Amino acid sequence: MPAPYSKDLRQRVVDAYKAKLGSQQQLAERFQVSLSFVQRLIGGHQKTGEVNSKPHGGGALA
């Protein structure tokens, strides 16, 4: 399992979205992340105001 994206990257994606620098698809391409990541990040930010990653949900850490 890969490590979570950095808080800095998450904040840059949210800032670009707020500044209307492109659609969610364009932001995903610009920051080289998946569209679903951008959608979940924006949705979570709108609900909580945070950009932090969620805690590990269980299972073995590699």
Protein backbone atom coordinates (compact mmCIF):
# COMPACT_ATOMS: atom_id res chain seq x y z
CA MET A 1 0.00 0.00 0.00
CA PRO A 2 1.48 3.38 -0.97
CA ALA A 3 1.97 6.17 1.52
CA PRO A 4 -0.69 8.91 1.70
CA TYR A 5 -0.16 12.00 -0.41
CA SER A 6 1.58 14.83 1.45
CA LYS A 7 -0.41 17.53 3.18
CA ASP A 8 1.35 20.06 0.93
CA LEU A 9 0.07 18.36 -2.23
CA ARG A 10 -3.42 18.08 -0.77
CA GLN A 11 -3.43 21.79 0.09
CA ARG A 12 -2.19 22.75 -3.40
CA VAL A 13 -4.99 20.75 -5.02
CA VAL A 14 -7.63 22.38 -2.79
CA ASP A 15 -6.16 25.85 -3.37
CA ALA A 16 -6.19 25.31 -7.15
CA TYR A 17 -9.81 24.14 -6.97
CA LYS A 18 -10.83 27.19 -4.92
CA ALA A 19 -9.04 29.48 -7.38
CA LYS A 20 -10.99 27.80 -10.22
CA LEU A 21 -7.79 26.87 -12.06
CA GLY A 22 -9.53 23.99 -13.80
CA SER A 23 -12.06 21.21 -13.52
CA GLN A 24 -11.49 18.35 -11.13
CA GLN A 25 -10.30 16.24 -14.08
CA GLN A 26 -7.84 18.95 -15.14
CA LEU A 27 -6.53 19.28 -11.59
CA ALA A 28 -6.05 15.51 -11.40
CA GLU A 29 -3.97 15.63 -14.59
CA ARG A 30 -2.06 18.73 -13.48
CA PHE A 31 -1.05 17.23 -10.13
CA GLN A 32 -0.71 13.68 -11.52
CA VAL A 33 -3.23 12.12 -9.14
CA SER A 34 -6.44 10.23 -9.80
CA LEU A 35 -9.76 11.93 -10.39
CA SER A 36 -11.28 9.96 -7.50
CA PHE A 37 -8.58 11.32 -5.15
CA VAL A 38 -9.44 14.89 -6.17
CA GLN A 39 -13.17 14.23 -5.76
CA ARG A 40 -12.73 12.70 -2.29
CA LEU A 41 -10.32 15.44 -1.23
CA ILE A 42 -12.62 18.26 -2.34
CA GLY A 43 -15.68 16.57 -0.81
CA GLY A 44 -13.91 15.98 2.48
CA HIS A 45 -12.57 19.52 2.55
CA GLN A 46 -16.03 20.96 1.98
CA LYS A 47 -17.42 18.89 4.88
CA THR A 48 -14.61 19.34 7.41
CA GLY A 49 -12.39 22.17 6.18
CA GLU A 50 -9.39 19.83 6.56
CA VAL A 51 -6.97 18.37 4.02
CA ASN A 52 -5.39 15.78 6.31
CA SER A 53 -5.29 12.14 5.26
CA LYS A 54 -7.52 9.68 7.05
CA PRO A 55 -5.88 7.41 9.63
CA HIS A 56 -4.86 3.90 8.63
CA GLY A 57 -7.95 1.72 8.77
CA GLY A 58 -6.37 -1.45 10.10
CA GLY A 59 -4.56 -4.43 8.75
CA ALA A 60 -0.85 -4.97 8.39
CA LEU A 61 1.46 -2.10 7.55
CA ALA A 62 4.24 -3.06 5.16
